[in-house]
Amino acid sequence: MTVLTKQPPGAPAPAAAGGTPRLRPSRRRKQRSGYLFLLPWFLGMLFTVIPFFASLYLAFTDYNLFTEPNFVGLANFQAMFEDPRLIQSLKVTFIYTFVSVPISLAVALLVALVLNRGLQGLSIYRSVYYLPSLLGGSVAIVMLWRYIFGNDGIVNGFLGIFGIHGPAWVTDPQFSLSTLIVLNVWTFGSPMVIFLAGLRQVPGMYYEAASIDGASKWRQFRSITLPLISPIIFFNLIMQLIGSFQTFTQGYVMSGGTGGPADSTLFYNLYLYQKGFTEFEMGYASAMAWLLLMIIAIFTAINFIASKFWVFYDN
């Protein structure tokens, strides 16, 4: 005789003949909805994973986009050590990164500290300062930058008022990279907004207690503000570092795609583009891409290791 028992609410459905639990229709619909929402992610992964492994294979081949890839082993990586323009592109990228990123973060933090003092119309100031971050990498802004720092541009016109004959900022190898560093510093809005959000989360009671103890504003900044926002500083540092290593548009537009004058704005990504899509050495360009990935991974790992000594988390 079969005994029918009532299932309590939330209990799993009885197992089928094969031993696999049967899902309720409502639960099956939820699963289908979940897979449907995950579908864009799966499609995005296909467009990422396939080129990822394809470039890894092409890095060990001699490939020009028009013929079948010819496997050459480590020849592309060995050729990098004998390529003076690649060494120059690394030099330009390192100078650009290690000069512009600290200055940009310092300016962003300074502006965030000023805005955190409770100015009226804070949302307007925040939007105005954030706008350059959205436009700084655009072709139009770089073209405007060429005009500002041109021989007859706004900067030299301003210097002329004081009788100073300004240099050819864009066409002089001594100053061309500096103009792009200034452009990157000008786009400090994105880390500034993140800094501002972090500063507004610092409890005011710490500053009140420090003021009662007679701590100066500078001491409060060193002993309270910096330690408490150190995770924010670390996050901005990593993001800005990765973004600077991937710089392309500024150097391409400023130099007309050549990296000039005298390869002074030959960023690594620009040289990679030249090798892959101008000289059609796609195998060599793929090897360069993997070298860039390793460089970014190494500097990111160094920062994570060093963060143990200066980043403090509130546990």
C-alpha atoms as a PDB file:
ATOM      1  CA  MET A   1       0.000   0.000   0.000  1.00  0.00           C
ATOM      2  CA  THR A   2       1.371   3.407  -0.992  1.00  0.00           C
ATOM      3  CA  VAL A   3       1.405   6.063   1.723  1.00  0.00           C
ATOM      4  CA  LEU A   4       1.076   9.649   0.518  1.00  0.00           C
ATOM      5  CA  THR A   5       2.911  12.208   2.597  1.00  0.00           C
ATOM      6  CA  LYS A   6       2.631  15.957   2.282  1.00  0.00           C
ATOM      7  CA  GLN A   7       5.900  17.741   1.493  1.00  0.00           C
ATOM      8  CA  PRO A   8       6.708  20.621   3.843  1.00  0.00           C
ATOM      9  CA  PRO A   9       7.107  24.086   2.256  1.00  0.00           C
ATOM     10  CA  GLY A  10      10.531  24.586   0.676  1.00  0.00           C
ATOM     11  CA  ALA A  11      11.352  20.870   0.615  1.00  0.00           C
ATOM     12  CA  PRO A  12      12.951  19.523  -2.590  1.00  0.00           C
ATOM     13  CA  ALA A  13      10.745  17.750  -5.073  1.00  0.00           C
ATOM     14  CA  PRO A  14      10.708  13.942  -4.972  1.00  0.00           C
ATOM     15  CA  ALA A  15      13.403  12.197  -6.961  1.00  0.00           C
ATOM     16  CA  ALA A  16      12.599  10.836 -10.370  1.00  0.00           C
ATOM     17  CA  ALA A  17      13.000   7.189 -11.272  1.00  0.00           C
ATOM     18  CA  GLY A  18      16.670   7.747 -12.123  1.00  0.00           C
ATOM     19  CA  GLY A  19      17.429   9.298  -8.750  1.00  0.00           C
ATOM     20  CA  THR A  20      17.648  12.944  -9.966  1.00  0.00           C
ATOM     21  CA  PRO A  21      15.404  15.407  -8.089  1.00  0.00           C
ATOM     22  CA  ARG A  22      12.711  16.993 -10.201  1.00  0.00           C
ATOM     23  CA  LEU A  23      12.710  20.772 -10.176  1.00  0.00           C
ATOM     24  CA  ARG A  24       9.509  22.656  -9.645  1.00  0.00           C
ATOM     25  CA  PRO A  25       8.274  24.561 -12.755  1.00  0.00           C
ATOM     26  CA  SER A  26       8.786  27.905 -10.980  1.00  0.00           C
ATOM     27  CA  ARG A  27      12.376  27.008 -10.131  1.00  0.00           C
ATOM     28  CA  ARG A  28      13.074  25.893 -13.702  1.00  0.00           C
ATOM     29  CA  ARG A  29      11.761  29.243 -14.949  1.00  0.00           C
ATOM     30  CA  LYS A  30      14.090  31.053 -12.540  1.00  0.00           C
ATOM     31  CA  GLN A  31      17.037  29.022 -13.776  1.00  0.00           C
ATOM     32  CA  ARG A  32      16.219  29.819 -17.391  1.00  0.00           C
ATOM     33  CA  SER A  33      15.937  33.504 -16.497  1.00  0.00           C
ATOM     34  CA  GLY A  34      19.302  33.349 -14.771  1.00  0.00           C
ATOM     35  CA  TYR A  35      20.984  31.784 -17.792  1.00  0.00           C
ATOM     36  CA  LEU A  36      19.324  34.387 -20.004  1.00  0.00           C
ATOM     37  CA  PHE A  37      20.790  37.234 -17.954  1.00  0.00           C
ATOM     38  CA  LEU A  38      24.205  35.529 -18.018  1.00  0.00           C
ATOM     39  CA  LEU A  39      24.101  35.125 -21.806  1.00  0.00           C
ATOM     40  CA  PRO A  40      25.720  38.544 -22.563  1.00  0.00           C
ATOM     41  CA  TRP A  41      28.574  37.637 -20.215  1.00  0.00           C
ATOM     42  CA  PHE A  42      29.097  34.279 -21.930  1.00  0.00           C
ATOM     43  CA  LEU A  43      29.102  35.980 -25.345  1.00  0.00           C
ATOM     44  CA  GLY A  44      31.550  38.589 -24.076  1.00  0.00           C
ATOM     45  CA  MET A  45      33.825  35.846 -22.812  1.00  0.00           C
ATOM     46  CA  LEU A  46      33.842  34.277 -26.276  1.00  0.00           C
ATOM     47  CA  PHE A  47      34.971  37.571 -27.803  1.00  0.00           C
ATOM     48  CA  THR A  48      37.709  37.786 -25.149  1.00  0.00           C
ATOM     49  CA  VAL A  49      38.948  34.237 -24.673  1.00  0.00           C
ATOM     50  CA  ILE A  50      39.232  33.352 -28.373  1.00  0.00           C
ATOM     51  CA  PRO A  51      41.424  36.384 -29.299  1.00  0.00           C
ATOM     52  CA  PHE A  52      43.376  35.845 -26.066  1.00  0.00           C
ATOM     53  CA  PHE A  53      44.533  32.361 -27.019  1.00  0.00           C
ATOM     54  CA  ALA A  54      44.790  33.264 -30.711  1.00  0.00           C
ATOM     55  CA  SER A  55      47.285  36.031 -29.910  1.00  0.00           C
ATOM     56  CA  LEU A  56      49.243  33.606 -27.713  1.00  0.00           C
ATOM     57  CA  TYR A  57      49.591  31.244 -30.664  1.00  0.00           C
ATOM     58  CA  LEU A  58      50.432  34.029 -33.130  1.00  0.00           C
ATOM     59  CA  ALA A  59      53.165  35.304 -30.779  1.00  0.00           C
ATOM     60  CA  PHE A  60      55.199  32.229 -31.751  1.00  0.00           C
ATOM     61  CA  THR A  61      54.603  32.586 -35.495  1.00  0.00           C
ATOM     62  CA  ASP A  62      55.590  34.702 -38.472  1.00  0.00           C
ATOM     63  CA  TYR A  63      52.202  36.022 -39.606  1.00  0.00           C
ATOM     64  CA  ASN A  64      51.401  38.934 -41.933  1.00  0.00           C
ATOM     65  CA  LEU A  65      47.563  38.725 -42.066  1.00  0.00           C
ATOM     66  CA  PHE A  66      47.592  37.449 -45.654  1.00  0.00           C
ATOM     67  CA  THR A  67      49.316  34.064 -45.463  1.00  0.00           C
ATOM     68  CA  GLU A  68      49.178  31.105 -43.139  1.00  0.00           C
ATOM     69  CA  PRO A  69      51.058  31.575 -39.833  1.00  0.00           C
ATOM     70  CA  ASN A  70      54.531  30.037 -39.843  1.00  0.00           C
ATOM     71  CA  PHE A  71      55.683  28.738 -36.454  1.00  0.00           C
ATOM     72  CA  VAL A  72      59.026  30.317 -35.486  1.00  0.00           C
ATOM     73  CA  GLY A  73      59.222  29.519 -31.765  1.00  0.00           C
ATOM     74  CA  LEU A  74      60.807  32.231 -29.605  1.00  0.00           C
ATOM     75  CA  ALA A  75      62.184  34.204 -32.565  1.00  0.00           C
ATOM     76  CA  ASN A  76      59.768  37.124 -32.031  1.00  0.00           C
ATOM     77  CA  PHE A  77      60.721  37.460 -28.369  1.00  0.00           C
ATOM     78  CA  GLN A  78      64.420  37.238 -29.183  1.00  0.00           C
ATOM     79  CA  ALA A  79      64.053  39.957 -31.826  1.00  0.00           C
ATOM     80  CA  MET A  80      62.657  42.341 -29.211  1.00  0.00           C
ATOM     81  CA  PHE A  81      66.033  42.615 -27.485  1.00  0.00           C
ATOM     82  CA  GLU A  82      67.583  43.766 -30.772  1.00  0.00           C
ATOM     83  CA  ASP A  83      64.835  46.270 -31.668  1.00  0.00           C
ATOM     84  CA  PRO A  84      65.943  49.829 -30.740  1.00  0.00           C
ATOM     85  CA  ARG A  85      62.502  51.308 -31.425  1.00  0.00           C
ATOM     86  CA  LEU A  86      60.892  48.845 -29.027  1.00  0.00           C
ATOM     87  CA  ILE A  87      63.387  49.872 -26.342  1.00  0.00           C
ATOM     88  CA  GLN A  88      62.577  53.510 -27.087  1.00  0.00           C
ATOM     89  CA  SER A  89      58.826  52.833 -26.845  1.00  0.00           C
ATOM     90  CA  LEU A  90      59.326  51.201 -23.447  1.00  0.00           C
ATOM     91  CA  LYS A  91      61.385  54.182 -22.301  1.00  0.00           C
ATOM     92  CA  VAL A  92      58.707  56.655 -23.416  1.00  0.00           C
ATOM     93  CA  THR A  93      55.942  54.630 -21.771  1.00  0.00           C
ATOM     94  CA  PHE A  94      57.839  54.248 -18.490  1.00  0.00           C
ATOM     95  CA  ILE A  95      58.635  57.968 -18.293  1.00  0.00           C
ATOM     96  CA  TYR A  96      55.041  58.868 -19.098  1.00  0.00           C
ATOM     97  CA  THR A  97      53.676  56.445 -16.495  1.00  0.00           C
ATOM     98  CA  PHE A  98      56.051  57.100 -13.605  1.00  0.00           C
ATOM     99  CA  VAL A  99      55.832  60.887 -13.985  1.00  0.00           C
ATOM    100  CA  SER A 100      52.166  61.446 -14.823  1.00  0.00           C
ATOM    101  CA  VAL A 101      50.545  58.911 -12.475  1.00  0.00           C
ATOM    102  CA  PRO A 102      51.982  60.251  -9.165  1.00  0.00           C
ATOM    103  CA  ILE A 103      51.302  63.865 -10.180  1.00  0.00           C
ATOM    104  CA  SER A 104      47.776  63.018 -11.328  1.00  0.00           C
ATOM    105  CA  LEU A 105      46.969  61.218  -8.081  1.00  0.00           C
ATOM    106  CA  ALA A 106      48.427  64.051  -5.991  1.00  0.00           C
ATOM    107  CA  VAL A 107      46.357  66.665  -7.845  1.00  0.00           C
ATOM    108  CA  ALA A 108      43.245  64.481  -7.609  1.00  0.00           C
ATOM    109  CA  LEU A 109      43.669  64.065  -3.851  1.00  0.00           C
ATOM    110  CA  LEU A 110      44.337  67.783  -3.346  1.00  0.00           C
ATOM    111  CA  VAL A 111      41.180  68.793  -5.240  1.00  0.00           C
ATOM    112  CA  ALA A 112      39.164  66.136  -3.388  1.00  0.00           C
ATOM    113  CA  LEU A 113      40.351  67.556  -0.063  1.00  0.00           C
ATOM    114  CA  VAL A 114      39.262  71.044  -1.120  1.00  0.00           C
ATOM    115  CA  LEU A 115      35.849  69.856  -2.304  1.00  0.00           C
ATOM    116  CA  ASN A 116      35.379  67.822   0.872  1.00  0.00           C
ATOM    117  CA  ARG A 117      35.344  71.010   2.939  1.00  0.00           C
ATOM    118  CA  GLY A 118      31.621  71.379   2.245  1.00  0.00           C
ATOM    119  CA  LEU A 119      31.478  73.790  -0.685  1.00  0.00           C
ATOM    120  CA  GLN A 120      28.100  74.859  -1.982  1.00  0.00           C
ATOM    121  CA  GLY A 121      27.217  73.351  -5.341  1.00  0.00           C
ATOM    122  CA  LEU A 122      29.455  70.344  -4.743  1.00  0.00           C
ATOM    123  CA  SER A 123      27.727  68.283  -7.435  1.00  0.00           C
ATOM    124  CA  ILE A 124      28.480  70.986 -10.027  1.00  0.00           C
ATOM    125  CA  TYR A 125      32.170  71.145  -9.116  1.00  0.00           C
ATOM    126  CA  ARG A 126      32.359  67.357  -9.096  1.00  0.00           C
ATOM    127  CA  SER A 127      30.873  67.151 -12.597  1.00  0.00           C
ATOM    128  CA  VAL A 128      33.121  69.915 -13.950  1.00  0.00           C
ATOM    129  CA  TYR A 129      36.283  68.257 -12.650  1.00  0.00           C
ATOM    130  CA  TYR A 130      35.158  64.807 -13.801  1.00  0.00           C
ATOM    131  CA  LEU A 131      34.403  65.909 -17.367  1.00  0.00           C
ATOM    132  CA  PRO A 132      38.075  65.944 -18.532  1.00  0.00           C
ATOM    133  CA  SER A 133      38.367  62.268 -17.568  1.00  0.00           C
ATOM    134  CA  LEU A 134      35.650  61.467 -20.093  1.00  0.00           C
ATOM    135  CA  LEU A 135      37.133  63.603 -22.859  1.00  0.00           C
ATOM    136  CA  GLY A 136      40.889  63.429 -22.215  1.00  0.00           C
ATOM    137  CA  GLY A 137      41.457  60.372 -24.394  1.00  0.00           C
ATOM    138  CA  SER A 138      39.343  61.587 -27.294  1.00  0.00           C
ATOM    139  CA  VAL A 139      40.761  62.641 -30.638  1.00  0.00           C
ATOM    140  CA  ALA A 140      39.139  66.089 -30.401  1.00  0.00           C
ATOM    141  CA  ILE A 141      40.811  66.924 -27.079  1.00  0.00           C
ATOM    142  CA  VAL A 142      44.235  65.806 -28.306  1.00  0.00           C
ATOM    143  CA  MET A 143      43.798  67.972 -31.413  1.00  0.00           C
ATOM    144  CA  LEU A 144      42.857  70.865 -29.138  1.00  0.00           C
ATOM    145  CA  TRP A 145      45.985  70.136 -27.093  1.00  0.00           C
ATOM    146  CA  ARG A 146      48.097  70.380 -30.254  1.00  0.00           C
ATOM    147  CA  TYR A 147      46.600  73.787 -30.912  1.00  0.00           C
ATOM    148  CA  ILE A 148      47.131  74.986 -27.319  1.00  0.00           C
ATOM    149  CA  PHE A 149      50.814  73.963 -27.326  1.00  0.00           C
ATOM    150  CA  GLY A 150      51.512  74.807 -30.981  1.00  0.00           C
ATOM    151  CA  ASN A 151      54.078  77.360 -32.080  1.00  0.00           C
ATOM    152  CA  ASP A 152      51.389  80.029 -32.264  1.00  0.00           C
ATOM    153  CA  GLY A 153      49.184  78.439 -29.638  1.00  0.00           C
ATOM    154  CA  ILE A 154      47.648  79.763 -26.460  1.00  0.00           C
ATOM    155  CA  VAL A 155      50.591  78.837 -24.227  1.00  0.00           C
ATOM    156  CA  ASN A 156      53.192  80.629 -26.336  1.00  0.00           C
ATOM    157  CA  GLY A 157      50.806  83.543 -26.793  1.00  0.00           C
ATOM    158  CA  PHE A 158      50.527  83.889 -23.028  1.00  0.00           C
ATOM    159  CA  LEU A 159      54.302  83.652 -22.592  1.00  0.00           C
ATOM    160  CA  GLY A 160      54.738  86.290 -25.298  1.00  0.00           C
ATOM    161  CA  ILE A 161      52.908  88.798 -23.088  1.00  0.00           C
ATOM    162  CA  PHE A 162      55.873  88.657 -20.723  1.00  0.00           C
ATOM    163  CA  GLY A 163      58.424  88.774 -23.532  1.00  0.00           C
ATOM    164  CA  ILE A 164      59.174  85.036 -23.359  1.00  0.00           C
ATOM    165  CA  HIS A 165      59.606  83.170 -26.616  1.00  0.00           C
ATOM    166  CA  GLY A 166      58.131  79.758 -25.939  1.00  0.00           C
ATOM    167  CA  PRO A 167      59.563  76.614 -27.551  1.00  0.00           C
ATOM    168  CA  ALA A 168      57.830  74.439 -30.116  1.00  0.00           C
ATOM    169  CA  TRP A 169      56.166  72.257 -27.510  1.00  0.00           C
ATOM    170  CA  VAL A 170      54.705  69.732 -29.952  1.00  0.00           C
ATOM    171  CA  THR A 171      57.528  69.466 -32.489  1.00  0.00           C
ATOM    172  CA  ASP A 172      60.497  69.645 -30.101  1.00  0.00           C
ATOM    173  CA  PRO A 173      61.570  66.198 -28.813  1.00  0.00           C
ATOM    174  CA  GLN A 174      62.535  67.764 -25.485  1.00  0.00           C
ATOM    175  CA  PHE A 175      58.988  68.945 -24.760  1.00  0.00           C
ATOM    176  CA  SER A 176      56.597  66.821 -26.842  1.00  0.00           C
ATOM    177  CA  LEU A 177      56.208  64.086 -24.228  1.00  0.00           C
ATOM    178  CA  SER A 178      55.785  66.693 -21.491  1.00  0.00           C
ATOM    179  CA  THR A 179      52.695  68.072 -23.208  1.00  0.00           C
ATOM    180  CA  LEU A 180      51.111  64.605 -23.117  1.00  0.00           C
ATOM    181  CA  ILE A 181      52.038  64.224 -19.448  1.00  0.00           C
ATOM    182  CA  VAL A 182      50.255  67.514 -18.745  1.00  0.00           C
ATOM    183  CA  LEU A 183      47.250  66.218 -20.687  1.00  0.00           C
ATOM    184  CA  ASN A 184      47.134  63.070 -18.557  1.00  0.00           C
ATOM    185  CA  VAL A 185      47.413  65.091 -15.342  1.00  0.00           C
ATOM    186  CA  TRP A 186      44.554  67.289 -16.584  1.00  0.00           C
ATOM    187  CA  THR A 187      42.298  64.217 -16.648  1.00  0.00           C
ATOM    188  CA  PHE A 188      42.464  63.733 -12.877  1.00  0.00           C
ATOM    189  CA  GLY A 189      38.684  63.793 -12.463  1.00  0.00           C
ATOM    190  CA  SER A 190      38.080  60.057 -12.250  1.00  0.00           C
ATOM    191  CA  PRO A 191      40.430  59.353  -9.297  1.00  0.00           C
ATOM    192  CA  MET A 192      39.314  62.647  -7.732  1.00  0.00           C
ATOM    193  CA  VAL A 193      35.678  61.489  -7.549  1.00  0.00           C
ATOM    194  CA  ILE A 194      36.795  58.207  -5.961  1.00  0.00           C
ATOM    195  CA  PHE A 195      38.998  60.071  -3.474  1.00  0.00           C
ATOM    196  CA  LEU A 196      36.099  62.355  -2.595  1.00  0.00           C
ATOM    197  CA  ALA A 197      33.826  59.384  -1.941  1.00  0.00           C
ATOM    198  CA  GLY A 198      36.484  57.885   0.342  1.00  0.00           C
ATOM    199  CA  LEU A 199      37.062  61.131   2.232  1.00  0.00           C
ATOM    200  CA  ARG A 200      33.360  61.491   2.970  1.00  0.00           C
ATOM    201  CA  GLN A 201      33.419  58.074   4.668  1.00  0.00           C
ATOM    202  CA  VAL A 202      36.102  59.054   7.208  1.00  0.00           C
ATOM    203  CA  PRO A 203      34.368  59.487  10.605  1.00  0.00           C
ATOM    204  CA  GLY A 204      34.483  63.065  11.829  1.00  0.00           C
ATOM    205  CA  MET A 205      35.001  61.977  15.440  1.00  0.00           C
ATOM    206  CA  TYR A 206      38.624  61.120  14.670  1.00  0.00           C
ATOM    207  CA  TYR A 207      39.331  64.694  13.628  1.00  0.00           C
ATOM    208  CA  GLU A 208      37.473  66.058  16.657  1.00  0.00           C
ATOM    209  CA  ALA A 209      39.542  63.923  19.013  1.00  0.00           C
ATOM    210  CA  ALA A 210      42.771  64.914  17.249  1.00  0.00           C
ATOM    211  CA  SER A 211      41.854  68.614  17.467  1.00  0.00           C
ATOM    212  CA  ILE A 212      41.230  68.280  21.205  1.00  0.00           C
ATOM    213  CA  ASP A 213      44.681  66.704  21.570  1.00  0.00           C
ATOM    214  CA  GLY A 214      46.192  69.674  19.732  1.00  0.00           C
ATOM    215  CA  ALA A 215      47.095  67.915  16.468  1.00  0.00           C
ATOM    216  CA  SER A 216      47.717  70.242  13.546  1.00  0.00           C
ATOM    217  CA  LYS A 217      45.907  69.912  10.228  1.00  0.00           C
ATOM    218  CA  TRP A 218      48.998  68.389   8.636  1.00  0.00           C
ATOM    219  CA  ARG A 219      49.319  65.855  11.471  1.00  0.00           C
ATOM    220  CA  GLN A 220      45.631  64.964  11.088  1.00  0.00           C
ATOM    221  CA  PHE A 221      46.148  64.469   7.373  1.00  0.00           C
ATOM    222  CA  ARG A 222      49.176  62.185   7.900  1.00  0.00           C
ATOM    223  CA  SER A 223      47.836  60.214  10.857  1.00  0.00           C
ATOM    224  CA  ILE A 224      44.116  60.006  10.074  1.00  0.00           C
ATOM    225  CA  THR A 225      43.263  60.831   6.478  1.00  0.00           C
ATOM    226  CA  LEU A 226      46.041  59.004   4.644  1.00  0.00           C
ATOM    227  CA  PRO A 227      45.809  55.715   6.590  1.00  0.00           C
ATOM    228  CA  LEU A 228      42.012  55.578   6.358  1.00  0.00           C
ATOM    229  CA  ILE A 229      41.901  56.257   2.607  1.00  0.00           C
ATOM    230  CA  SER A 230      44.983  54.157   1.813  1.00  0.00           C
ATOM    231  CA  PRO A 231      42.812  51.429   0.174  1.00  0.00           C
ATOM    232  CA  ILE A 232      41.353  54.135  -2.097  1.00  0.00           C
ATOM    233  CA  ILE A 233      44.849  55.383  -2.944  1.00  0.00           C
ATOM    234  CA  PHE A 234      45.917  51.823  -3.726  1.00  0.00           C
ATOM    235  CA  PHE A 235      42.913  51.249  -5.998  1.00  0.00           C
ATOM    236  CA  ASN A 236      43.472  54.506  -7.899  1.00  0.00           C
ATOM    237  CA  LEU A 237      47.183  53.744  -8.213  1.00  0.00           C
ATOM    238  CA  ILE A 238      46.550  50.341  -9.795  1.00  0.00           C
ATOM    239  CA  MET A 239      43.896  51.653 -12.197  1.00  0.00           C
ATOM    240  CA  GLN A 240      45.941  54.677 -13.262  1.00  0.00           C
ATOM    241  CA  LEU A 241      49.059  52.544 -13.690  1.00  0.00           C
ATOM    242  CA  ILE A 242      47.292  50.069 -15.974  1.00  0.00           C
ATOM    243  CA  GLY A 243      45.658  52.872 -17.964  1.00  0.00           C
ATOM    244  CA  SER A 244      48.946  54.697 -18.486  1.00  0.00           C
ATOM    245  CA  PHE A 245      50.690  51.595 -19.797  1.00  0.00           C
ATOM    246  CA  GLN A 246      47.874  51.250 -22.351  1.00  0.00           C
ATOM    247  CA  THR A 247      48.120  54.818 -23.670  1.00  0.00           C
ATOM    248  CA  PHE A 248      47.658  55.002 -27.435  1.00  0.00           C
ATOM    249  CA  THR A 249      45.328  57.729 -28.710  1.00  0.00           C
ATOM    250  CA  GLN A 250      47.282  60.677 -27.322  1.00  0.00           C
ATOM    251  CA  GLY A 251      50.552  59.647 -28.954  1.00  0.00           C
ATOM    252  CA  TYR A 252      48.889  58.609 -32.210  1.00  0.00           C
ATOM    253  CA  VAL A 253      46.994  61.867 -32.739  1.00  0.00           C
ATOM    254  CA  MET A 254      49.719  64.161 -31.437  1.00  0.00           C
ATOM    255  CA  SER A 255      52.350  62.665 -33.769  1.00  0.00           C
ATOM    256  CA  GLY A 256      50.113  61.771 -36.693  1.00  0.00           C
ATOM    257  CA  GLY A 257      50.705  58.073 -36.035  1.00  0.00           C
ATOM    258  CA  THR A 258      54.497  58.258 -36.337  1.00  0.00           C
ATOM    259  CA  GLY A 259      55.511  58.603 -32.684  1.00  0.00           C
ATOM    260  CA  GLY A 260      57.579  61.642 -33.547  1.00  0.00           C
ATOM    261  CA  PRO A 261      59.343  63.904 -33.344  1.00  0.00           C
ATOM    262  CA  ALA A 262      62.373  61.593 -33.100  1.00  0.00           C
ATOM    263  CA  ASP A 263      60.216  58.863 -31.518  1.00  0.00           C
ATOM    264  CA  SER A 264      59.727  61.060 -28.435  1.00  0.00           C
ATOM    265  CA  THR A 265      56.009  60.147 -28.267  1.00  0.00           C
ATOM    266  CA  LEU A 266      56.374  56.561 -29.458  1.00  0.00           C
ATOM    267  CA  PHE A 267      54.282  54.832 -26.832  1.00  0.00           C
ATOM    268  CA  TYR A 268      54.481  51.063 -26.596  1.00  0.00           C
ATOM    269  CA  ASN A 269      50.921  50.558 -27.837  1.00  0.00           C
ATOM    270  CA  LEU A 270      51.551  52.915 -30.744  1.00  0.00           C
ATOM    271  CA  TYR A 271      54.611  50.937 -31.812  1.00  0.00           C
ATOM    272  CA  LEU A 272      52.613  47.715 -31.427  1.00  0.00           C
ATOM    273  CA  TYR A 273      49.980  49.187 -33.751  1.00  0.00           C
ATOM    274  CA  GLN A 274      52.641  50.154 -36.289  1.00  0.00           C
ATOM    275  CA  LYS A 275      54.131  46.662 -36.311  1.00  0.00           C
ATOM    276  CA  GLY A 276      50.779  44.919 -36.574  1.00  0.00           C
ATOM    277  CA  PHE A 277      48.702  47.107 -38.881  1.00  0.00           C
ATOM    278  CA  THR A 278      51.263  49.205 -40.773  1.00  0.00           C
ATOM    279  CA  GLU A 279      54.102  46.760 -41.300  1.00  0.00           C
ATOM    280  CA  PHE A 280      51.769  43.714 -41.067  1.00  0.00           C
ATOM    281  CA  GLU A 281      54.062  41.854 -38.670  1.00  0.00           C
ATOM    282  CA  MET A 282      51.164  40.474 -36.669  1.00  0.00           C
ATOM    283  CA  GLY A 283      53.199  37.702 -35.074  1.00  0.00           C
ATOM    284  CA  TYR A 284      55.705  40.205 -33.711  1.00  0.00           C
ATOM    285  CA  ALA A 285      52.859  42.500 -32.592  1.00  0.00           C
ATOM    286  CA  SER A 286      51.207  39.600 -30.740  1.00  0.00           C
ATOM    287  CA  ALA A 287      54.487  38.903 -28.947  1.00  0.00           C
ATOM    288  CA  MET A 288      54.667  42.597 -28.010  1.00  0.00           C
ATOM    289  CA  ALA A 289      51.137  42.399 -26.608  1.00  0.00           C
ATOM    290  CA  TRP A 290      52.122  39.519 -24.364  1.00  0.00           C
ATOM    291  CA  LEU A 291      55.227  41.385 -23.223  1.00  0.00           C
ATOM    292  CA  LEU A 292      52.995  44.315 -22.253  1.00  0.00           C
ATOM    293  CA  LEU A 293      50.709  41.945 -20.354  1.00  0.00           C
ATOM    294  CA  MET A 294      53.689  40.593 -18.421  1.00  0.00           C
ATOM    295  CA  ILE A 295      54.964  44.113 -17.654  1.00  0.00           C
ATOM    296  CA  ILE A 296      51.572  45.209 -16.308  1.00  0.00           C
ATOM    297  CA  ALA A 297      51.246  41.980 -14.318  1.00  0.00           C
ATOM    298  CA  ILE A 298      54.709  42.442 -12.765  1.00  0.00           C
ATOM    299  CA  PHE A 299      54.101  46.039 -11.689  1.00  0.00           C
ATOM    300  CA  THR A 300      50.639  45.140 -10.389  1.00  0.00           C
ATOM    301  CA  ALA A 301      52.098  42.273  -8.372  1.00  0.00           C
ATOM    302  CA  ILE A 302      54.815  44.562  -6.975  1.00  0.00           C
ATOM    303  CA  ASN A 303      52.173  47.033  -5.847  1.00  0.00           C
ATOM    304  CA  PHE A 304      50.112  44.296  -4.197  1.00  0.00           C
ATOM    305  CA  ILE A 305      53.168  43.022  -2.333  1.00  0.00           C
ATOM    306  CA  ALA A 306      54.185  46.542  -1.274  1.00  0.00           C
ATOM    307  CA  SER A 307      50.614  47.351  -0.202  1.00  0.00           C
ATOM    308  CA  LYS A 308      51.085  45.147   2.874  1.00  0.00           C
ATOM    309  CA  PHE A 309      53.340  47.848   4.304  1.00  0.00           C
ATOM    310  CA  TRP A 310      51.260  50.970   3.661  1.00  0.00           C
ATOM    311  CA  VAL A 311      47.620  50.018   2.980  1.00  0.00           C
ATOM    312  CA  PHE A 312      45.475  49.699   6.105  1.00  0.00           C
ATOM    313  CA  TYR A 313      42.078  48.045   6.169  1.00  0.00           C
ATOM    314  CA  ASP A 314      39.550  48.638   8.911  1.00  0.00           C
ATOM    315  CA  ASN A 315      38.853  45.150  10.230  1.00  0.00           C
END
